[in-house]
Amino acid sequence: GSSGRVFPADMKAAPLLRAWLKRLR
């Protein structure tokens, strides 16, 4: 972002967590 903060492309946490938990399983 303009302030230097990094975000997922869709700005959401849930898709990231779902993909992560799938990997862990």
PDB file of all heavy atoms in Angstrom:
ATOM      1  N   GLY A   1       0.811  -1.202   0.000  1.00  0.00           N
ATOM      2  CA  GLY A   1       0.000   0.000   0.000  1.00  0.00           C
ATOM      3  C   GLY A   1       0.850   1.260   0.000  1.00  0.00           C
ATOM      4  O   GLY A   1       2.081   1.210   0.101  1.00  0.00           O
ATOM      5  N   SER A   2       0.206   2.405  -0.097  1.00  0.00           N
ATOM      6  CA  SER A   2       0.922   3.683  -0.183  1.00  0.00           C
ATOM      7  C   SER A   2       1.748   3.970   1.064  1.00  0.00           C
ATOM      8  O   SER A   2       2.749   4.687   1.005  1.00  0.00           O
ATOM      9  CB  SER A   2      -0.083   4.820  -0.420  1.00  0.00           C
ATOM     10  OG  SER A   2      -1.046   4.860   0.635  1.00  0.00           O
ATOM     11  N   SER A   3       1.358   3.393   2.210  1.00  0.00           N
ATOM     12  CA  SER A   3       2.097   3.615   3.458  1.00  0.00           C
ATOM     13  C   SER A   3       3.217   2.605   3.665  1.00  0.00           C
ATOM     14  O   SER A   3       3.927   2.665   4.669  1.00  0.00           O
ATOM     15  CB  SER A   3       1.127   3.544   4.642  1.00  0.00           C
ATOM     16  OG  SER A   3       0.591   2.230   4.761  1.00  0.00           O
ATOM     17  N   GLY A   4       3.382   1.668   2.715  1.00  0.00           N
ATOM     18  CA  GLY A   4       4.395   0.633   2.862  1.00  0.00           C
ATOM     19  C   GLY A   4       3.875  -0.642   3.490  1.00  0.00           C
ATOM     20  O   GLY A   4       4.594  -1.642   3.562  1.00  0.00           O
ATOM     21  N   ARG A   5       2.623  -0.631   3.933  1.00  0.00           N
ATOM     22  CA  ARG A   5       2.048  -1.836   4.523  1.00  0.00           C
ATOM     23  C   ARG A   5       1.736  -2.867   3.444  1.00  0.00           C
ATOM     24  O   ARG A   5       1.349  -2.510   2.339  1.00  0.00           O
ATOM     25  CB  ARG A   5       0.778  -1.491   5.305  1.00  0.00           C
ATOM     26  CG  ARG A   5       1.030  -0.542   6.471  1.00  0.00           C
ATOM     27  CD  ARG A   5      -0.226  -0.288   7.278  1.00  0.00           C
ATOM     28  NE  ARG A   5       0.034   0.611   8.401  1.00  0.00           N
ATOM     29  CZ  ARG A   5      -0.689   0.659   9.501  1.00  0.00           C
ATOM     30  NH1 ARG A   5      -1.739  -0.150   9.635  1.00  0.00           N
ATOM     31  NH2 ARG A   5      -0.393   1.489  10.472  1.00  0.00           N
ATOM     32  N   VAL A   6       1.908  -4.134   3.790  1.00  0.00           N
ATOM     33  CA  VAL A   6       1.709  -5.230   2.832  1.00  0.00           C
ATOM     34  C   VAL A   6       0.396  -5.936   3.147  1.00  0.00           C
ATOM     35  O   VAL A   6       0.126  -6.289   4.307  1.00  0.00           O
ATOM     36  CB  VAL A   6       2.878  -6.225   2.898  1.00  0.00           C
ATOM     37  CG1 VAL A   6       2.638  -7.403   1.955  1.00  0.00           C
ATOM     38  CG2 VAL A   6       4.191  -5.524   2.563  1.00  0.00           C
ATOM     39  N   PHE A   7      -0.409  -6.168   2.103  1.00  0.00           N
ATOM     40  CA  PHE A   7      -1.720  -6.791   2.244  1.00  0.00           C
ATOM     41  C   PHE A   7      -1.867  -7.934   1.237  1.00  0.00           C
ATOM     42  O   PHE A   7      -1.269  -7.895   0.159  1.00  0.00           O
ATOM     43  CB  PHE A   7      -2.839  -5.778   1.959  1.00  0.00           C
ATOM     44  CG  PHE A   7      -2.846  -4.579   2.846  1.00  0.00           C
ATOM     45  CD1 PHE A   7      -2.114  -3.448   2.506  1.00  0.00           C
ATOM     46  CD2 PHE A   7      -3.594  -4.566   4.013  1.00  0.00           C
ATOM     47  CE1 PHE A   7      -2.128  -2.320   3.323  1.00  0.00           C
ATOM     48  CE2 PHE A   7      -3.611  -3.445   4.829  1.00  0.00           C
ATOM     49  CZ  PHE A   7      -2.877  -2.330   4.491  1.00  0.00           C
ATOM     50  N   PRO A   8      -2.690  -8.945   1.570  1.00  0.00           N
ATOM     51  CA  PRO A   8      -3.110  -9.884   0.519  1.00  0.00           C
ATOM     52  C   PRO A   8      -3.893  -9.132  -0.549  1.00  0.00           C
ATOM     53  O   PRO A   8      -4.505  -8.096  -0.260  1.00  0.00           O
ATOM     54  CB  PRO A   8      -4.012 -10.876   1.266  1.00  0.00           C
ATOM     55  CG  PRO A   8      -3.693 -10.690   2.718  1.00  0.00           C
ATOM     56  CD  PRO A   8      -3.267  -9.264   2.878  1.00  0.00           C
ATOM     57  N   ALA A   9      -3.869  -9.652  -1.766  1.00  0.00           N
ATOM     58  CA  ALA A   9      -4.510  -8.947  -2.883  1.00  0.00           C
ATOM     59  C   ALA A   9      -5.973  -8.642  -2.622  1.00  0.00           C
ATOM     60  O   ALA A   9      -6.478  -7.584  -3.017  1.00  0.00           O
ATOM     61  CB  ALA A   9      -4.358  -9.754  -4.171  1.00  0.00           C
ATOM     62  N   ASP A  10      -6.683  -9.549  -1.943  1.00  0.00           N
ATOM     63  CA  ASP A  10      -8.103  -9.317  -1.667  1.00  0.00           C
ATOM     64  C   ASP A  10      -8.336  -8.668  -0.307  1.00  0.00           C
ATOM     65  O   ASP A  10      -9.487  -8.490   0.111  1.00  0.00           O
ATOM     66  CB  ASP A  10      -8.898 -10.617  -1.769  1.00  0.00           C
ATOM     67  CG  ASP A  10      -8.463 -11.648  -0.729  1.00  0.00           C
ATOM     68  OD1 ASP A  10      -7.557 -11.355   0.075  1.00  0.00           O
ATOM     69  OD2 ASP A  10      -9.042 -12.753  -0.727  1.00  0.00           O
ATOM     70  N   MET A  11      -7.245  -8.332   0.413  1.00  0.00           N
ATOM     71  CA  MET A  11      -7.305  -7.643   1.711  1.00  0.00           C
ATOM     72  C   MET A  11      -7.835  -8.517   2.844  1.00  0.00           C
ATOM     73  O   MET A  11      -7.982  -8.052   3.968  1.00  0.00           O
ATOM     74  CB  MET A  11      -8.164  -6.370   1.623  1.00  0.00           C
ATOM     75  CG  MET A  11      -7.695  -5.327   0.638  1.00  0.00           C
ATOM     76  SD  MET A  11      -6.224  -4.470   1.211  1.00  0.00           S
ATOM     77  CE  MET A  11      -6.921  -3.418   2.488  1.00  0.00           C
ATOM     78  N   LYS A  12      -8.130  -9.782   2.577  1.00  0.00           N
ATOM     79  CA  LYS A  12      -8.827 -10.614   3.557  1.00  0.00           C
ATOM     80  C   LYS A  12      -7.896 -11.627   4.221  1.00  0.00           C
ATOM     81  O   LYS A  12      -6.960 -12.131   3.611  1.00  0.00           O
ATOM     82  CB  LYS A  12      -9.990 -11.346   2.890  1.00  0.00           C
ATOM     83  CG  LYS A  12     -11.062 -10.413   2.335  1.00  0.00           C
ATOM     84  CD  LYS A  12     -12.150 -11.189   1.619  1.00  0.00           C
ATOM     85  CE  LYS A  12     -13.211 -10.260   1.047  1.00  0.00           C
ATOM     86  NZ  LYS A  12     -14.259 -11.008   0.310  1.00  0.00           N
ATOM     87  N   ALA A  13      -8.201 -11.937   5.488  1.00  0.00           N
ATOM     88  CA  ALA A  13      -7.425 -12.931   6.230  1.00  0.00           C
ATOM     89  C   ALA A  13      -7.956 -14.344   6.036  1.00  0.00           C
ATOM     90  O   ALA A  13      -7.185 -15.309   6.057  1.00  0.00           O
ATOM     91  CB  ALA A  13      -7.443 -12.582   7.728  1.00  0.00           C
ATOM     92  N   ALA A  14      -9.274 -14.495   5.858  1.00  0.00           N
ATOM     93  CA  ALA A  14      -9.881 -15.826   5.836  1.00  0.00           C
ATOM     94  C   ALA A  14      -9.352 -16.719   4.714  1.00  0.00           C
ATOM     95  O   ALA A  14      -9.046 -17.895   4.958  1.00  0.00           O
ATOM     96  CB  ALA A  14     -11.401 -15.701   5.767  1.00  0.00           C
ATOM     97  N   PRO A  15      -9.215 -16.231   3.468  1.00  0.00           N
ATOM     98  CA  PRO A  15      -8.683 -17.114   2.423  1.00  0.00           C
ATOM     99  C   PRO A  15      -7.263 -17.594   2.724  1.00  0.00           C
ATOM    100  O   PRO A  15      -6.913 -18.748   2.445  1.00  0.00           O
ATOM    101  CB  PRO A  15      -8.722 -16.232   1.169  1.00  0.00           C
ATOM    102  CG  PRO A  15      -9.776 -15.213   1.450  1.00  0.00           C
ATOM    103  CD  PRO A  15      -9.673 -14.937   2.911  1.00  0.00           C
ATOM    104  N   LEU A  16      -6.458 -16.719   3.300  1.00  0.00           N
ATOM    105  CA  LEU A  16      -5.093 -17.099   3.660  1.00  0.00           C
ATOM    106  C   LEU A  16      -5.117 -18.200   4.713  1.00  0.00           C
ATOM    107  O   LEU A  16      -4.406 -19.210   4.597  1.00  0.00           O
ATOM    108  CB  LEU A  16      -4.339 -15.865   4.171  1.00  0.00           C
ATOM    109  CG  LEU A  16      -2.819 -15.952   4.342  1.00  0.00           C
ATOM    110  CD1 LEU A  16      -2.205 -14.558   4.351  1.00  0.00           C
ATOM    111  CD2 LEU A  16      -2.426 -16.667   5.622  1.00  0.00           C
ATOM    112  N   LEU A  17      -5.935 -18.021   5.747  1.00  0.00           N
ATOM    113  CA  LEU A  17      -6.012 -19.023   6.809  1.00  0.00           C
ATOM    114  C   LEU A  17      -6.544 -20.351   6.282  1.00  0.00           C
ATOM    115  O   LEU A  17      -6.034 -21.419   6.652  1.00  0.00           O
ATOM    116  CB  LEU A  17      -6.889 -18.504   7.953  1.00  0.00           C
ATOM    117  CG  LEU A  17      -6.987 -19.415   9.185  1.00  0.00           C
ATOM    118  CD1 LEU A  17      -5.618 -19.656   9.811  1.00  0.00           C
ATOM    119  CD2 LEU A  17      -7.950 -18.830  10.219  1.00  0.00           C
ATOM    120  N   ARG A  18      -7.544 -20.309   5.410  1.00  0.00           N
ATOM    121  CA  ARG A  18      -8.086 -21.550   4.840  1.00  0.00           C
ATOM    122  C   ARG A  18      -7.018 -22.309   4.053  1.00  0.00           C
ATOM    123  O   ARG A  18      -6.871 -23.530   4.184  1.00  0.00           O
ATOM    124  CB  ARG A  18      -9.285 -21.243   3.939  1.00  0.00           C
ATOM    125  CG  ARG A  18     -10.572 -20.967   4.688  1.00  0.00           C
ATOM    126  CD  ARG A  18     -11.775 -21.074   3.764  1.00  0.00           C
ATOM    127  NE  ARG A  18     -11.713 -20.128   2.663  1.00  0.00           N
ATOM    128  CZ  ARG A  18     -12.227 -18.904   2.716  1.00  0.00           C
ATOM    129  NH1 ARG A  18     -12.838 -18.483   3.810  1.00  0.00           N
ATOM    130  NH2 ARG A  18     -12.151 -18.104   1.663  1.00  0.00           N
ATOM    131  N   ALA A  19      -6.274 -21.581   3.224  1.00  0.00           N
ATOM    132  CA  ALA A  19      -5.221 -22.227   2.430  1.00  0.00           C
ATOM    133  C   ALA A  19      -4.143 -22.805   3.332  1.00  0.00           C
ATOM    134  O   ALA A  19      -3.604 -23.892   3.074  1.00  0.00           O
ATOM    135  CB  ALA A  19      -4.617 -21.222   1.454  1.00  0.00           C
ATOM    136  N   TRP A  20      -3.831 -22.101   4.397  1.00  0.00           N
ATOM    137  CA  TRP A  20      -2.802 -22.536   5.340  1.00  0.00           C
ATOM    138  C   TRP A  20      -3.242 -23.807   6.074  1.00  0.00           C
ATOM    139  O   TRP A  20      -2.490 -24.776   6.187  1.00  0.00           O
ATOM    140  CB  TRP A  20      -2.514 -21.414   6.309  1.00  0.00           C
ATOM    141  CG  TRP A  20      -1.277 -21.579   7.134  1.00  0.00           C
ATOM    142  CD1 TRP A  20      -0.327 -22.550   7.033  1.00  0.00           C
ATOM    143  CD2 TRP A  20      -0.860 -20.722   8.189  1.00  0.00           C
ATOM    144  NE1 TRP A  20       0.671 -22.348   7.962  1.00  0.00           N
ATOM    145  CE2 TRP A  20       0.359 -21.231   8.675  1.00  0.00           C
ATOM    146  CE3 TRP A  20      -1.390 -19.564   8.764  1.00  0.00           C
ATOM    147  CZ2 TRP A  20       1.052 -20.626   9.727  1.00  0.00           C
ATOM    148  CZ3 TRP A  20      -0.704 -18.958   9.796  1.00  0.00           C
ATOM    149  CH2 TRP A  20       0.510 -19.476  10.277  1.00  0.00           C
ATOM    150  N   LEU A  21      -4.459 -23.810   6.566  1.00  0.00           N
ATOM    151  CA  LEU A  21      -4.953 -24.986   7.285  1.00  0.00           C
ATOM    152  C   LEU A  21      -5.050 -26.202   6.365  1.00  0.00           C
ATOM    153  O   LEU A  21      -4.803 -27.336   6.798  1.00  0.00           O
ATOM    154  CB  LEU A  21      -6.313 -24.676   7.920  1.00  0.00           C
ATOM    155  CG  LEU A  21      -6.292 -23.637   9.047  1.00  0.00           C
ATOM    156  CD1 LEU A  21      -7.701 -23.359   9.549  1.00  0.00           C
ATOM    157  CD2 LEU A  21      -5.408 -24.106  10.203  1.00  0.00           C
ATOM    158  N   LYS A  22      -5.391 -25.970   5.108  1.00  0.00           N
ATOM    159  CA  LYS A  22      -5.404 -27.074   4.136  1.00  0.00           C
ATOM    160  C   LYS A  22      -4.002 -27.661   3.996  1.00  0.00           C
ATOM    161  O   LYS A  22      -3.819 -28.892   3.992  1.00  0.00           O
ATOM    162  CB  LYS A  22      -5.908 -26.573   2.782  1.00  0.00           C
ATOM    163  CG  LYS A  22      -5.946 -27.637   1.680  1.00  0.00           C
ATOM    164  CD  LYS A  22      -6.531 -27.049   0.407  1.00  0.00           C
ATOM    165  CE  LYS A  22      -6.624 -28.107  -0.700  1.00  0.00           C
ATOM    166  NZ  LYS A  22      -5.289 -28.492  -1.197  1.00  0.00           N
ATOM    167  N   ARG A  23      -2.991 -26.798   3.917  1.00  0.00           N
ATOM    168  CA  ARG A  23      -1.612 -27.278   3.831  1.00  0.00           C
ATOM    169  C   ARG A  23      -1.235 -28.079   5.068  1.00  0.00           C
ATOM    170  O   ARG A  23      -0.609 -29.141   4.966  1.00  0.00           O
ATOM    171  CB  ARG A  23      -0.657 -26.097   3.652  1.00  0.00           C
ATOM    172  CG  ARG A  23       0.814 -26.494   3.715  1.00  0.00           C
ATOM    173  CD  ARG A  23       1.733 -25.296   3.703  1.00  0.00           C
ATOM    174  NE  ARG A  23       1.785 -24.676   2.379  1.00  0.00           N
ATOM    175  CZ  ARG A  23       2.508 -23.582   2.104  1.00  0.00           C
ATOM    176  NH1 ARG A  23       3.207 -22.986   3.066  1.00  0.00           N
ATOM    177  NH2 ARG A  23       2.537 -23.086   0.886  1.00  0.00           N
ATOM    178  N   LEU A  24      -1.610 -27.583   6.244  1.00  0.00           N
ATOM    179  CA  LEU A  24      -1.259 -28.280   7.484  1.00  0.00           C
ATOM    180  C   LEU A  24      -1.934 -29.647   7.560  1.00  0.00           C
ATOM    181  O   LEU A  24      -1.318 -30.630   7.999  1.00  0.00           O
ATOM    182  CB  LEU A  24      -1.644 -27.426   8.698  1.00  0.00           C
ATOM    183  CG  LEU A  24      -0.842 -26.125   8.875  1.00  0.00           C
ATOM    184  CD1 LEU A  24      -1.374 -25.328  10.065  1.00  0.00           C
ATOM    185  CD2 LEU A  24       0.636 -26.422   9.072  1.00  0.00           C
ATOM    186  N   ARG A  25      -3.183 -29.716   7.144  1.00  0.00           N
ATOM    187  CA  ARG A  25      -3.871 -31.017   7.129  1.00  0.00           C
ATOM    188  C   ARG A  25      -3.154 -31.994   6.195  1.00  0.00           C
ATOM    189  O   ARG A  25      -2.965 -33.174   6.530  1.00  0.00           O
ATOM    190  CB  ARG A  25      -5.328 -30.846   6.692  1.00  0.00           C
ATOM    191  CG  ARG A  25      -6.229 -30.229   7.750  1.00  0.00           C
ATOM    192  CD  ARG A  25      -7.697 -30.380   7.392  1.00  0.00           C
ATOM    193  NE  ARG A  25      -8.034 -29.703   6.144  1.00  0.00           N
ATOM    194  CZ  ARG A  25      -8.434 -28.434   6.070  1.00  0.00           C
ATOM    195  NH1 ARG A  25      -8.556 -27.717   7.169  1.00  0.00           N
ATOM    196  NH2 ARG A  25      -8.740 -27.896   4.893  1.00  0.00           N
TER     197      ARG A  25
END
